[in-house]
Amino acid sequence: MVPAHYAPHPPGQGAPEPETDERVVDFNLITEVTSPMVGVFYAAPSPDAEPYVRVGDRVKKGDVLCIIEAMKVMNEIVSETDGEVVDICVQNGQVVEYSQVLFKIF
């Protein structure tokens, strides 16, 4: 006797189609936004304000993504490309290093 999960498909029917995600991501098209300096990452302009961007937000080239504080100077980090924010790689208030990935934009 063959277990049910090994049984062949009924005659006239092919194998069931595998479930696929409708949105296929080509990881070669993801742009990584990196920190141009060492400093503290801030996702919003002030502690009580909404963050500049969230995962899923659409951004345009030149949109502000975050602030990095270095030596008491607030430096705005802007998007280098149009796209959708697919990952925020750091947390608010985290110290970031030079060239550390901050965002991934598709």
PDB file of N, CA and C in Angstrom:
ATOM      1  N   MET A   1       0.845  -1.177   0.000  1.00  0.00           N
ATOM      2  CA  MET A   1       0.000   0.000   0.000  1.00  0.00           C
ATOM      3  C   MET A   1       0.890   1.239   0.000  1.00  0.00           C
ATOM      4  N   VAL A   2       0.546   2.220  -0.822  1.00  0.00           N
ATOM      5  CA  VAL A   2       1.324   3.442  -0.969  1.00  0.00           C
ATOM      6  C   VAL A   2       0.705   4.517  -0.085  1.00  0.00           C
ATOM      7  N   PRO A   3       1.510   5.197   0.747  1.00  0.00           N
ATOM      8  CA  PRO A   3       0.965   6.286   1.563  1.00  0.00           C
ATOM      9  C   PRO A   3       0.337   7.358   0.675  1.00  0.00           C
ATOM     10  N   ALA A   4      -0.651   8.056   1.207  1.00  0.00           N
ATOM     11  CA  ALA A   4      -1.402   9.045   0.432  1.00  0.00           C
ATOM     12  C   ALA A   4      -0.499  10.134  -0.138  1.00  0.00           C
ATOM     13  N   HIS A   5       0.511  10.541   0.612  1.00  0.00           N
ATOM     14  CA  HIS A   5       1.350  11.624   0.101  1.00  0.00           C
ATOM     15  C   HIS A   5       2.314  11.155  -0.999  1.00  0.00           C
ATOM     16  N   TYR A   6       2.394   9.856  -1.253  1.00  0.00           N
ATOM     17  CA  TYR A   6       3.209   9.326  -2.343  1.00  0.00           C
ATOM     18  C   TYR A   6       2.350   8.821  -3.501  1.00  0.00           C
ATOM     19  N   ALA A   7       1.046   8.860  -3.342  1.00  0.00           N
ATOM     20  CA  ALA A   7       0.157   8.326  -4.369  1.00  0.00           C
ATOM     21  C   ALA A   7       0.274   9.161  -5.634  1.00  0.00           C
ATOM     22  N   PRO A   8       0.221   8.522  -6.813  1.00  0.00           N
ATOM     23  CA  PRO A   8       0.253   9.288  -8.062  1.00  0.00           C
ATOM     24  C   PRO A   8      -1.026  10.102  -8.197  1.00  0.00           C
ATOM     25  N   HIS A   9      -0.964  11.117  -9.040  1.00  0.00           N
ATOM     26  CA  HIS A   9      -2.121  11.967  -9.271  1.00  0.00           C
ATOM     27  C   HIS A   9      -3.178  11.195 -10.047  1.00  0.00           C
ATOM     28  N   PRO A  10      -4.462  11.508  -9.828  1.00  0.00           N
ATOM     29  CA  PRO A  10      -5.521  10.809 -10.554  1.00  0.00           C
ATOM     30  C   PRO A  10      -5.324  10.926 -12.063  1.00  0.00           C
ATOM     31  N   PRO A  11      -5.757   9.912 -12.820  1.00  0.00           N
ATOM     32  CA  PRO A  11      -5.585   9.951 -14.270  1.00  0.00           C
ATOM     33  C   PRO A  11      -6.247  11.190 -14.865  1.00  0.00           C
ATOM     34  N   GLY A  12      -5.581  11.762 -15.860  1.00  0.00           N
ATOM     35  CA  GLY A  12      -6.126  12.923 -16.549  1.00  0.00           C
ATOM     36  C   GLY A  12      -5.785  14.236 -15.877  1.00  0.00           C
ATOM     37  N   GLN A  13      -5.162  14.174 -14.706  1.00  0.00           N
ATOM     38  CA  GLN A  13      -4.787  15.403 -14.021  1.00  0.00           C
ATOM     39  C   GLN A  13      -3.273  15.447 -13.863  1.00  0.00           C
ATOM     40  N   GLY A  14      -2.702  16.580 -14.172  1.00  0.00           N
ATOM     41  CA  GLY A  14      -1.266  16.735 -13.993  1.00  0.00           C
ATOM     42  C   GLY A  14      -0.959  17.051 -12.546  1.00  0.00           C
ATOM     43  N   ALA A  15       0.275  17.218 -12.274  1.00  0.00           N
ATOM     44  CA  ALA A  15       0.690  17.601 -10.929  1.00  0.00           C
ATOM     45  C   ALA A  15       0.112  18.967 -10.612  1.00  0.00           C
ATOM     46  N   PRO A  16      -0.274  19.213  -9.375  1.00  0.00           N
ATOM     47  CA  PRO A  16      -0.811  20.535  -9.038  1.00  0.00           C
ATOM     48  C   PRO A  16       0.245  21.608  -9.247  1.00  0.00           C
ATOM     49  N   GLU A  17      -0.207  22.758  -9.675  1.00  0.00           N
ATOM     50  CA  GLU A  17       0.712  23.868  -9.897  1.00  0.00           C
ATOM     51  C   GLU A  17       1.255  24.331  -8.549  1.00  0.00           C
ATOM     52  N   PRO A  18       2.551  24.554  -8.448  1.00  0.00           N
ATOM     53  CA  PRO A  18       3.089  25.041  -7.180  1.00  0.00           C
ATOM     54  C   PRO A  18       2.585  26.453  -6.914  1.00  0.00           C
ATOM     55  N   GLU A  19       2.319  26.728  -5.643  1.00  0.00           N
ATOM     56  CA  GLU A  19       1.894  28.071  -5.289  1.00  0.00           C
ATOM     57  C   GLU A  19       3.102  28.992  -5.407  1.00  0.00           C
ATOM     58  N   THR A  20       2.906  30.108  -6.081  1.00  0.00           N
ATOM     59  CA  THR A  20       4.000  31.043  -6.269  1.00  0.00           C
ATOM     60  C   THR A  20       3.589  32.405  -5.755  1.00  0.00           C
ATOM     61  N   ASP A  21       4.562  33.158  -5.314  1.00  0.00           N
ATOM     62  CA  ASP A  21       4.342  34.529  -4.913  1.00  0.00           C
ATOM     63  C   ASP A  21       4.145  35.326  -6.197  1.00  0.00           C
ATOM     64  N   GLU A  22       3.102  36.127  -6.245  1.00  0.00           N
ATOM     65  CA  GLU A  22       2.824  36.891  -7.451  1.00  0.00           C
ATOM     66  C   GLU A  22       3.912  37.912  -7.732  1.00  0.00           C
ATOM     67  N   ARG A  23       4.615  38.331  -6.698  1.00  0.00           N
ATOM     68  CA  ARG A  23       5.645  39.349  -6.853  1.00  0.00           C
ATOM     69  C   ARG A  23       7.007  38.689  -6.734  1.00  0.00           C
ATOM     70  N   VAL A  24       7.707  38.585  -7.841  1.00  0.00           N
ATOM     71  CA  VAL A  24       9.037  37.989  -7.845  1.00  0.00           C
ATOM     72  C   VAL A  24      10.048  39.120  -7.759  1.00  0.00           C
ATOM     73  N   VAL A  25      10.940  39.040  -6.803  1.00  0.00           N
ATOM     74  CA  VAL A  25      11.929  40.096  -6.597  1.00  0.00           C
ATOM     75  C   VAL A  25      13.252  39.665  -7.213  1.00  0.00           C
ATOM     76  N   ASP A  26      13.772  40.490  -8.105  1.00  0.00           N
ATOM     77  CA  ASP A  26      15.098  40.270  -8.668  1.00  0.00           C
ATOM     78  C   ASP A  26      16.078  41.038  -7.777  1.00  0.00           C
ATOM     79  N   PHE A  27      16.816  40.308  -6.946  1.00  0.00           N
ATOM     80  CA  PHE A  27      17.688  40.948  -5.968  1.00  0.00           C
ATOM     81  C   PHE A  27      18.824  41.743  -6.611  1.00  0.00           C
ATOM     82  N   ASN A  28      19.052  41.563  -7.904  1.00  0.00           N
ATOM     83  CA  ASN A  28      20.060  42.355  -8.595  1.00  0.00           C
ATOM     84  C   ASN A  28      19.595  43.793  -8.790  1.00  0.00           C
ATOM     85  N   LEU A  29      18.292  44.032  -8.659  1.00  0.00           N
ATOM     86  CA  LEU A  29      17.741  45.366  -8.860  1.00  0.00           C
ATOM     87  C   LEU A  29      17.594  46.147  -7.566  1.00  0.00           C
ATOM     88  N   ILE A  30      17.931  45.559  -6.438  1.00  0.00           N
ATOM     89  CA  ILE A  30      17.824  46.254  -5.151  1.00  0.00           C
ATOM     90  C   ILE A  30      19.003  47.201  -4.972  1.00  0.00           C
ATOM     91  N   THR A  31      18.681  48.426  -4.591  1.00  0.00           N
ATOM     92  CA  THR A  31      19.699  49.434  -4.300  1.00  0.00           C
ATOM     93  C   THR A  31      19.882  49.511  -2.797  1.00  0.00           C
ATOM     94  N   GLU A  32      21.110  49.413  -2.345  1.00  0.00           N
ATOM     95  CA  GLU A  32      21.406  49.539  -0.924  1.00  0.00           C
ATOM     96  C   GLU A  32      21.855  50.969  -0.647  1.00  0.00           C
ATOM     97  N   VAL A  33      21.179  51.620   0.289  1.00  0.00           N
ATOM     98  CA  VAL A  33      21.563  52.959   0.717  1.00  0.00           C
ATOM     99  C   VAL A  33      22.466  52.779   1.929  1.00  0.00           C
ATOM    100  N   THR A  34      23.696  53.248   1.814  1.00  0.00           N
ATOM    101  CA  THR A  34      24.671  53.060   2.881  1.00  0.00           C
ATOM    102  C   THR A  34      24.951  54.379   3.597  1.00  0.00           C
ATOM    103  N   SER A  35      25.456  54.264   4.799  1.00  0.00           N
ATOM    104  CA  SER A  35      25.785  55.441   5.592  1.00  0.00           C
ATOM    105  C   SER A  35      27.076  56.080   5.065  1.00  0.00           C
ATOM    106  N   PRO A  36      27.046  57.374   4.823  1.00  0.00           N
ATOM    107  CA  PRO A  36      28.258  58.050   4.350  1.00  0.00           C
ATOM    108  C   PRO A  36      29.205  58.440   5.485  1.00  0.00           C
ATOM    109  N   MET A  37      28.808  58.111   6.734  1.00  0.00           N
ATOM    110  CA  MET A  37      29.610  58.530   7.885  1.00  0.00           C
ATOM    111  C   MET A  37      29.268  57.676   9.106  1.00  0.00           C
ATOM    112  N   VAL A  38      30.070  57.820  10.135  1.00  0.00           N
ATOM    113  CA  VAL A  38      29.779  57.221  11.432  1.00  0.00           C
ATOM    114  C   VAL A  38      28.886  58.200  12.187  1.00  0.00           C
ATOM    115  N   GLY A  39      27.839  57.674  12.823  1.00  0.00           N
ATOM    116  CA  GLY A  39      26.954  58.554  13.579  1.00  0.00           C
ATOM    117  C   GLY A  39      25.776  57.793  14.139  1.00  0.00           C
ATOM    118  N   VAL A  40      24.790  58.559  14.608  1.00  0.00           N
ATOM    119  CA  VAL A  40      23.586  57.981  15.192  1.00  0.00           C
ATOM    120  C   VAL A  40      22.448  58.113  14.180  1.00  0.00           C
ATOM    121  N   PHE A  41      21.770  56.985  13.897  1.00  0.00           N
ATOM    122  CA  PHE A  41      20.675  56.920  12.936  1.00  0.00           C
ATOM    123  C   PHE A  41      19.380  57.372  13.602  1.00  0.00           C
ATOM    124  N   TYR A  42      18.689  58.293  12.955  1.00  0.00           N
ATOM    125  CA  TYR A  42      17.363  58.710  13.407  1.00  0.00           C
ATOM    126  C   TYR A  42      16.385  58.550  12.247  1.00  0.00           C
ATOM    127  N   ALA A  43      15.288  57.838  12.502  1.00  0.00           N
ATOM    128  CA  ALA A  43      14.294  57.553  11.470  1.00  0.00           C
ATOM    129  C   ALA A  43      13.317  58.704  11.261  1.00  0.00           C
ATOM    130  N   ALA A  44      13.260  59.645  12.207  1.00  0.00           N
ATOM    131  CA  ALA A  44      12.307  60.751  12.150  1.00  0.00           C
ATOM    132  C   ALA A  44      13.008  62.061  12.498  1.00  0.00           C
ATOM    133  N   PRO A  45      12.406  63.193  12.122  1.00  0.00           N
ATOM    134  CA  PRO A  45      13.047  64.482  12.415  1.00  0.00           C
ATOM    135  C   PRO A  45      13.034  64.852  13.892  1.00  0.00           C
ATOM    136  N   SER A  46      12.119  64.253  14.683  1.00  0.00           N
ATOM    137  CA  SER A  46      12.081  64.484  16.127  1.00  0.00           C
ATOM    138  C   SER A  46      11.499  63.238  16.796  1.00  0.00           C
ATOM    139  N   PRO A  47      11.707  63.069  18.092  1.00  0.00           N
ATOM    140  CA  PRO A  47      11.241  61.855  18.766  1.00  0.00           C
ATOM    141  C   PRO A  47       9.734  61.600  18.666  1.00  0.00           C
ATOM    142  N   ASP A  48       8.929  62.655  18.590  1.00  0.00           N
ATOM    143  CA  ASP A  48       7.481  62.480  18.539  1.00  0.00           C
ATOM    144  C   ASP A  48       6.907  62.530  17.115  1.00  0.00           C
ATOM    145  N   ALA A  49       7.753  62.662  16.107  1.00  0.00           N
ATOM    146  CA  ALA A  49       7.301  62.741  14.709  1.00  0.00           C
ATOM    147  C   ALA A  49       7.234  61.357  14.076  1.00  0.00           C
ATOM    148  N   GLU A  50       6.478  61.264  12.994  1.00  0.00           N
ATOM    149  CA  GLU A  50       6.409  60.032  12.206  1.00  0.00           C
ATOM    150  C   GLU A  50       7.747  59.815  11.501  1.00  0.00           C
ATOM    151  N   PRO A  51       8.139  58.557  11.272  1.00  0.00           N
ATOM    152  CA  PRO A  51       9.391  58.308  10.542  1.00  0.00           C
ATOM    153  C   PRO A  51       9.290  58.809   9.104  1.00  0.00           C
ATOM    154  N   TYR A  52      10.440  59.144   8.554  1.00  0.00           N
ATOM    155  CA  TYR A  52      10.475  59.606   7.165  1.00  0.00           C
ATOM    156  C   TYR A  52       9.902  58.547   6.228  1.00  0.00           C
ATOM    157  N   VAL A  53      10.327  57.296   6.397  1.00  0.00           N
ATOM    158  CA  VAL A  53       9.842  56.207   5.536  1.00  0.00           C
ATOM    159  C   VAL A  53       9.611  54.955   6.371  1.00  0.00           C
ATOM    160  N   ARG A  54       8.748  54.094   5.837  1.00  0.00           N
ATOM    161  CA  ARG A  54       8.490  52.778   6.417  1.00  0.00           C
ATOM    162  C   ARG A  54       8.645  51.757   5.305  1.00  0.00           C
ATOM    163  N   VAL A  55       8.791  50.493   5.686  1.00  0.00           N
ATOM    164  CA  VAL A  55       8.847  49.425   4.690  1.00  0.00           C
ATOM    165  C   VAL A  55       7.544  49.461   3.900  1.00  0.00           C
ATOM    166  N   GLY A  56       7.670  49.401   2.583  1.00  0.00           N
ATOM    167  CA  GLY A  56       6.512  49.448   1.698  1.00  0.00           C
ATOM    168  C   GLY A  56       6.250  50.821   1.109  1.00  0.00           C
ATOM    169  N   ASP A  57       6.871  51.863   1.660  1.00  0.00           N
ATOM    170  CA  ASP A  57       6.684  53.215   1.131  1.00  0.00           C
ATOM    171  C   ASP A  57       7.401  53.372  -0.208  1.00  0.00           C
ATOM    172  N   ARG A  58       6.786  54.134  -1.112  1.00  0.00           N
ATOM    173  CA  ARG A  58       7.416  54.494  -2.379  1.00  0.00           C
ATOM    174  C   ARG A  58       8.209  55.775  -2.152  1.00  0.00           C
ATOM    175  N   VAL A  59       9.423  55.825  -2.669  1.00  0.00           N
ATOM    176  CA  VAL A  59      10.258  57.016  -2.551  1.00  0.00           C
ATOM    177  C   VAL A  59      10.726  57.439  -3.928  1.00  0.00           C
ATOM    178  N   LYS A  60      11.074  58.707  -4.023  1.00  0.00           N
ATOM    179  CA  LYS A  60      11.627  59.248  -5.258  1.00  0.00           C
ATOM    180  C   LYS A  60      13.049  59.725  -4.979  1.00  0.00           C
ATOM    181  N   LYS A  61      13.826  59.798  -6.026  1.00  0.00           N
ATOM    182  CA  LYS A  61      15.194  60.279  -5.892  1.00  0.00           C
ATOM    183  C   LYS A  61      15.178  61.652  -5.225  1.00  0.00           C
ATOM    184  N   GLY A  62      15.955  61.797  -4.149  1.00  0.00           N
ATOM    185  CA  GLY A  62      16.033  63.057  -3.427  1.00  0.00           C
ATOM    186  C   GLY A  62      15.176  63.120  -2.182  1.00  0.00           C
ATOM    187  N   ASP A  63      14.254  62.138  -1.987  1.00  0.00           N
ATOM    188  CA  ASP A  63      13.440  62.107  -0.772  1.00  0.00           C
ATOM    189  C   ASP A  63      14.316  61.807   0.441  1.00  0.00           C
ATOM    190  N   VAL A  64      14.048  62.461   1.553  1.00  0.00           N
ATOM    191  CA  VAL A  64      14.794  62.221   2.787  1.00  0.00           C
ATOM    192  C   VAL A  64      14.374  60.872   3.363  1.00  0.00           C
ATOM    193  N   LEU A  65      15.355  60.034   3.680  1.00  0.00           N
ATOM    194  CA  LEU A  65      15.105  58.713   4.251  1.00  0.00           C
ATOM    195  C   LEU A  65      15.318  58.694   5.759  1.00  0.00           C
ATOM    196  N   CYS A  66      16.309  59.458   6.227  1.00  0.00           N
ATOM    197  CA  CYS A  66      16.649  59.458   7.644  1.00  0.00           C
ATOM    198  C   CYS A  66      17.603  60.606   7.927  1.00  0.00           C
ATOM    199  N   ILE A  67      18.008  60.680   9.181  1.00  0.00           N
ATOM    200  CA  ILE A  67      19.028  61.641   9.608  1.00  0.00           C
ATOM    201  C   ILE A  67      20.132  60.851  10.301  1.00  0.00           C
ATOM    202  N   ILE A  68      21.361  61.252  10.054  1.00  0.00           N
ATOM    203  CA  ILE A  68      22.485  60.717  10.817  1.00  0.00           C
ATOM    204  C   ILE A  68      23.147  61.887  11.535  1.00  0.00           C
ATOM    205  N   GLU A  69      23.208  61.761  12.860  1.00  0.00           N
ATOM    206  CA  GLU A  69      23.846  62.791  13.672  1.00  0.00           C
ATOM    207  C   GLU A  69      25.311  62.434  13.838  1.00  0.00           C
ATOM    208  N   ALA A  70      26.160  63.361  13.439  1.00  0.00           N
ATOM    209  CA  ALA A  70      27.603  63.182  13.595  1.00  0.00           C
ATOM    210  C   ALA A  70      28.180  64.498  14.114  1.00  0.00           C
ATOM    211  N   MET A  71      28.819  64.437  15.250  1.00  0.00           N
ATOM    212  CA  MET A  71      29.441  65.610  15.862  1.00  0.00           C
ATOM    213  C   MET A  71      28.433  66.750  16.026  1.00  0.00           C
ATOM    214  N   LYS A  72      27.252  66.413  16.522  1.00  0.00           N
ATOM    215  CA  LYS A  72      26.168  67.375  16.798  1.00  0.00           C
ATOM    216  C   LYS A  72      25.592  68.024  15.535  1.00  0.00           C
ATOM    217  N   VAL A  73      25.922  67.489  14.368  1.00  0.00           N
ATOM    218  CA  VAL A  73      25.367  67.983  13.108  1.00  0.00           C
ATOM    219  C   VAL A  73      24.388  66.945  12.588  1.00  0.00           C
ATOM    220  N   MET A  74      23.175  67.398  12.227  1.00  0.00           N
ATOM    221  CA  MET A  74      22.149  66.505  11.690  1.00  0.00           C
ATOM    222  C   MET A  74      22.280  66.471  10.170  1.00  0.00           C
ATOM    223  N   ASN A  75      22.616  65.309   9.625  1.00  0.00           N
ATOM    224  CA  ASN A  75      22.829  65.139   8.187  1.00  0.00           C
ATOM    225  C   ASN A  75      21.676  64.337   7.592  1.00  0.00           C
ATOM    226  N   GLU A  76      20.948  64.941   6.644  1.00  0.00           N
ATOM    227  CA  GLU A  76      19.861  64.231   5.984  1.00  0.00           C
ATOM    228  C   GLU A  76      20.441  63.259   4.955  1.00  0.00           C
ATOM    229  N   ILE A  77      19.938  62.039   4.977  1.00  0.00           N
ATOM    230  CA  ILE A  77      20.330  61.028   3.991  1.00  0.00           C
ATOM    231  C   ILE A  77      19.157  60.898   3.028  1.00  0.00           C
ATOM    232  N   VAL A  78      19.433  61.075   1.743  1.00  0.00           N
ATOM    233  CA  VAL A  78      18.368  61.067   0.736  1.00  0.00           C
ATOM    234  C   VAL A  78      18.469  59.838  -0.157  1.00  0.00           C
ATOM    235  N   SER A  79      17.341  59.514  -0.777  1.00  0.00           N
ATOM    236  CA  SER A  79      17.287  58.380  -1.690  1.00  0.00           C
ATOM    237  C   SER A  79      18.065  58.694  -2.960  1.00  0.00           C
ATOM    238  N   GLU A  80      18.808  57.720  -3.424  1.00  0.00           N
ATOM    239  CA  GLU A  80      19.590  57.872  -4.651  1.00  0.00           C
ATOM    240  C   GLU A  80      18.805  57.422  -5.875  1.00  0.00           C
ATOM    241  N   THR A  81      17.615  56.841  -5.649  1.00  0.00           N
ATOM    242  CA  THR A  81      16.839  56.277  -6.746  1.00  0.00           C
ATOM    243  C   THR A  81      15.355  56.272  -6.403  1.00  0.00           C
ATOM    244  N   ASP A  82      14.515  56.120  -7.416  1.00  0.00           N
ATOM    245  CA  ASP A  82      13.084  55.909  -7.208  1.00  0.00           C
ATOM    246  C   ASP A  82      12.864  54.448  -6.873  1.00  0.00           C
ATOM    247  N   GLY A  83      11.856  54.149  -6.063  1.00  0.00           N
ATOM    248  CA  GLY A  83      11.552  52.758  -5.776  1.00  0.00           C
ATOM    249  C   GLY A  83      10.740  52.589  -4.516  1.00  0.00           C
ATOM    250  N   GLU A  84      10.713  51.336  -4.043  1.00  0.00           N
ATOM    251  CA  GLU A  84       9.968  50.984  -2.837  1.00  0.00           C
ATOM    252  C   GLU A  84      10.942  50.532  -1.759  1.00  0.00           C
ATOM    253  N   VAL A  85      10.754  51.037  -0.553  1.00  0.00           N
ATOM    254  CA  VAL A  85      11.589  50.630   0.578  1.00  0.00           C
ATOM    255  C   VAL A  85      11.187  49.201   0.951  1.00  0.00           C
ATOM    256  N   VAL A  86      12.120  48.256   0.807  1.00  0.00           N
ATOM    257  CA  VAL A  86      11.817  46.851   1.118  1.00  0.00           C
ATOM    258  C   VAL A  86      12.450  46.401   2.429  1.00  0.00           C
ATOM    259  N   ASP A  87      13.412  47.170   2.949  1.00  0.00           N
ATOM    260  CA  ASP A  87      14.023  46.806   4.223  1.00  0.00           C
ATOM    261  C   ASP A  87      14.666  48.034   4.855  1.00  0.00           C
ATOM    262  N   ILE A  88      14.464  48.164   6.161  1.00  0.00           N
ATOM    263  CA  ILE A  88      15.187  49.159   6.957  1.00  0.00           C
ATOM    264  C   ILE A  88      16.107  48.348   7.845  1.00  0.00           C
ATOM    265  N   CYS A  89      17.392  48.488   7.635  1.00  0.00           N
ATOM    266  CA  CYS A  89      18.380  47.575   8.214  1.00  0.00           C
ATOM    267  C   CYS A  89      18.897  47.993   9.584  1.00  0.00           C
ATOM    268  N   VAL A  90      18.513  49.161  10.069  1.00  0.00           N
ATOM    269  CA  VAL A  90      18.975  49.637  11.371  1.00  0.00           C
ATOM    270  C   VAL A  90      17.792  50.142  12.184  1.00  0.00           C
ATOM    271  N   GLN A  91      18.008  50.297  13.481  1.00  0.00           N
ATOM    272  CA  GLN A  91      16.949  50.750  14.383  1.00  0.00           C
ATOM    273  C   GLN A  91      17.193  52.205  14.768  1.00  0.00           C
ATOM    274  N   ASN A  92      16.108  52.883  15.102  1.00  0.00           N
ATOM    275  CA  ASN A  92      16.188  54.274  15.532  1.00  0.00           C
ATOM    276  C   ASN A  92      17.107  54.395  16.745  1.00  0.00           C
ATOM    277  N   GLY A  93      18.030  55.356  16.705  1.00  0.00           N
ATOM    278  CA  GLY A  93      18.953  55.581  17.809  1.00  0.00           C
ATOM    279  C   GLY A  93      20.203  54.725  17.768  1.00  0.00           C
ATOM    280  N   GLN A  94      20.313  53.849  16.775  1.00  0.00           N
ATOM    281  CA  GLN A  94      21.470  52.955  16.658  1.00  0.00           C
ATOM    282  C   GLN A  94      22.672  53.700  16.087  1.00  0.00           C
ATOM    283  N   VAL A  95      23.848  53.411  16.624  1.00  0.00           N
ATOM    284  CA  VAL A  95      25.090  53.950  16.066  1.00  0.00           C
ATOM    285  C   VAL A  95      25.412  53.156  14.803  1.00  0.00           C
ATOM    286  N   VAL A  96      25.678  53.873  13.705  1.00  0.00           N
ATOM    287  CA  VAL A  96      25.990  53.220  12.442  1.00  0.00           C
ATOM    288  C   VAL A  96      27.420  53.522  12.035  1.00  0.00           C
ATOM    289  N   GLU A  97      27.979  52.618  11.274  1.00  0.00           N
ATOM    290  CA  GLU A  97      29.351  52.742  10.787  1.00  0.00           C
ATOM    291  C   GLU A  97      29.364  53.279   9.362  1.00  0.00           C
ATOM    292  N   TYR A  98      30.509  53.730   8.930  1.00  0.00           N
ATOM    293  CA  TYR A  98      30.699  54.148   7.545  1.00  0.00           C
ATOM    294  C   TYR A  98      30.412  52.960   6.623  1.00  0.00           C
ATOM    295  N   SER A  99      29.647  53.157   5.590  1.00  0.00           N
ATOM    296  CA  SER A  99      29.277  52.158   4.568  1.00  0.00           C
ATOM    297  C   SER A  99      28.321  51.078   5.062  1.00  0.00           C
ATOM    298  N   GLN A 100      27.775  51.206   6.266  1.00  0.00           N
ATOM    299  CA  GLN A 100      26.792  50.245   6.752  1.00  0.00           C
ATOM    300  C   GLN A 100      25.494  50.433   5.975  1.00  0.00           C
ATOM    301  N   VAL A 101      24.860  49.331   5.594  1.00  0.00           N
ATOM    302  CA  VAL A 101      23.608  49.398   4.840  1.00  0.00           C
ATOM    303  C   VAL A 101      22.502  49.890   5.766  1.00  0.00           C
ATOM    304  N   LEU A 102      21.799  50.949   5.331  1.00  0.00           N
ATOM    305  CA  LEU A 102      20.714  51.524   6.099  1.00  0.00           C
ATOM    306  C   LEU A 102      19.351  51.082   5.562  1.00  0.00           C
ATOM    307  N   PHE A 103      19.201  51.129   4.241  1.00  0.00           N
ATOM    308  CA  PHE A 103      17.942  50.810   3.580  1.00  0.00           C
ATOM    309  C   PHE A 103      18.216  49.968   2.339  1.00  0.00           C
ATOM    310  N   LYS A 104      17.200  49.198   1.955  1.00  0.00           N
ATOM    311  CA  LYS A 104      17.208  48.508   0.669  1.00  0.00           C
ATOM    312  C   LYS A 104      15.983  48.970  -0.094  1.00  0.00           C
ATOM    313  N   ILE A 105      16.216  49.442  -1.310  1.00  0.00           N
ATOM    314  CA  ILE A 105      15.151  50.001  -2.157  1.00  0.00           C
ATOM    315  C   ILE A 105      15.079  49.181  -3.435  1.00  0.00           C
ATOM    316  N   PHE A 106      13.858  48.771  -3.786  1.00  0.00           N
ATOM    317  CA  PHE A 106      13.635  47.970  -4.993  1.00  0.00           C
ATOM    318  C   PHE A 106      12.925  48.814  -6.013  1.00  0.00           C
TER     319      PHE A 106
END
